[in-house]
Amino acid sequence: VNPHTHQLKLCDFGSAKVL
């Protein structure tokens, strides 16, 4: 798993959690 993709997914997950 690429670290960049993982970071992007993590950011998306965080954004969704905030919303």
PDB file of N, CA and C in Angstrom:
ATOM      1  N   VAL A   1       0.850  -1.201   0.000  1.00  0.00           N
ATOM      2  CA  VAL A   1       0.000   0.000   0.000  1.00  0.00           C
ATOM      3  C   VAL A   1       0.884   1.249   0.000  1.00  0.00           C
ATOM      4  N   ASN A   2       0.679   2.112  -0.953  1.00  0.00           N
ATOM      5  CA  ASN A   2       1.505   3.331  -1.027  1.00  0.00           C
ATOM      6  C   ASN A   2       1.185   4.261   0.137  1.00  0.00           C
ATOM      7  N   PRO A   3       2.203   4.906   0.699  1.00  0.00           N
ATOM      8  CA  PRO A   3       1.988   5.817   1.833  1.00  0.00           C
ATOM      9  C   PRO A   3       1.173   7.031   1.411  1.00  0.00           C
ATOM     10  N   HIS A   4       1.358   7.448   0.151  1.00  0.00           N
ATOM     11  CA  HIS A   4       0.624   8.635  -0.330  1.00  0.00           C
ATOM     12  C   HIS A   4      -0.873   8.338  -0.374  1.00  0.00           C
ATOM     13  N   THR A   5      -1.211   7.152  -0.918  1.00  0.00           N
ATOM     14  CA  THR A   5      -2.624   6.769  -1.006  1.00  0.00           C
ATOM     15  C   THR A   5      -3.210   6.618   0.392  1.00  0.00           C
ATOM     16  N   HIS A   6      -2.415   6.025   1.290  1.00  0.00           N
ATOM     17  CA  HIS A   6      -2.893   5.810   2.658  1.00  0.00           C
ATOM     18  C   HIS A   6      -3.170   7.153   3.328  1.00  0.00           C
ATOM     19  N   GLN A   7      -2.246   8.114   3.118  1.00  0.00           N
ATOM     20  CA  GLN A   7      -2.409   9.432   3.727  1.00  0.00           C
ATOM     21  C   GLN A   7      -3.654  10.116   3.155  1.00  0.00           C
ATOM     22  N   LEU A   8      -3.850   9.981   1.845  1.00  0.00           N
ATOM     23  CA  LEU A   8      -4.996  10.616   1.203  1.00  0.00           C
ATOM     24  C   LEU A   8      -6.290  10.040   1.784  1.00  0.00           C
ATOM     25  N   LYS A   9      -6.323   8.703   1.926  1.00  0.00           N
ATOM     26  CA  LYS A   9      -7.514   8.049   2.469  1.00  0.00           C
ATOM     27  C   LYS A   9      -7.743   8.507   3.908  1.00  0.00           C
ATOM     28  N   LEU A  10      -6.651   8.613   4.667  1.00  0.00           N
ATOM     29  CA  LEU A  10      -6.772   9.020   6.060  1.00  0.00           C
ATOM     30  C   LEU A  10      -7.335  10.438   6.140  1.00  0.00           C
ATOM     31  N   CYS A  11      -6.879  11.303   5.236  1.00  0.00           N
ATOM     32  CA  CYS A  11      -7.345  12.692   5.226  1.00  0.00           C
ATOM     33  C   CYS A  11      -8.841  12.717   4.909  1.00  0.00           C
ATOM     34  N   ASP A  12      -9.251  11.912   3.931  1.00  0.00           N
ATOM     35  CA  ASP A  12     -10.658  11.857   3.538  1.00  0.00           C
ATOM     36  C   ASP A  12     -11.498  11.350   4.707  1.00  0.00           C
ATOM     37  N   PHE A  13     -10.982  10.330   5.398  1.00  0.00           N
ATOM     38  CA  PHE A  13     -11.707   9.760   6.537  1.00  0.00           C
ATOM     39  C   PHE A  13     -11.864  10.813   7.637  1.00  0.00           C
ATOM     40  N   GLY A  14     -10.777  11.566   7.890  1.00  0.00           N
ATOM     41  CA  GLY A  14     -10.819  12.604   8.920  1.00  0.00           C
ATOM     42  C   GLY A  14     -11.833  13.674   8.546  1.00  0.00           C
ATOM     43  N   SER A  15     -11.836  14.059   7.270  1.00  0.00           N
ATOM     44  CA  SER A  15     -12.764  15.099   6.814  1.00  0.00           C
ATOM     45  C   SER A  15     -14.203  14.622   7.000  1.00  0.00           C
ATOM     46  N   ALA A  16     -14.457  13.370   6.648  1.00  0.00           N
ATOM     47  CA  ALA A  16     -15.806  12.815   6.773  1.00  0.00           C
ATOM     48  C   ALA A  16     -16.209  12.769   8.242  1.00  0.00           C
ATOM     49  N   LYS A  17     -15.247  12.415   9.111  1.00  0.00           N
ATOM     50  CA  LYS A  17     -15.552  12.326  10.538  1.00  0.00           C
ATOM     51  C   LYS A  17     -15.896  13.716  11.077  1.00  0.00           C
ATOM     52  N   VAL A  18     -15.153  14.715  10.624  1.00  0.00           N
ATOM     53  CA  VAL A  18     -15.399  16.092  11.084  1.00  0.00           C
ATOM     54  C   VAL A  18     -16.789  16.533  10.638  1.00  0.00           C
ATOM     55  N   LEU A  19     -17.127  16.199   9.390  1.00  0.00           N
ATOM     56  CA  LEU A  19     -18.436  16.593   8.877  1.00  0.00           C
ATOM     57  C   LEU A  19     -19.518  15.750   9.553  1.00  0.00           C
TER      58      LEU A  19
END
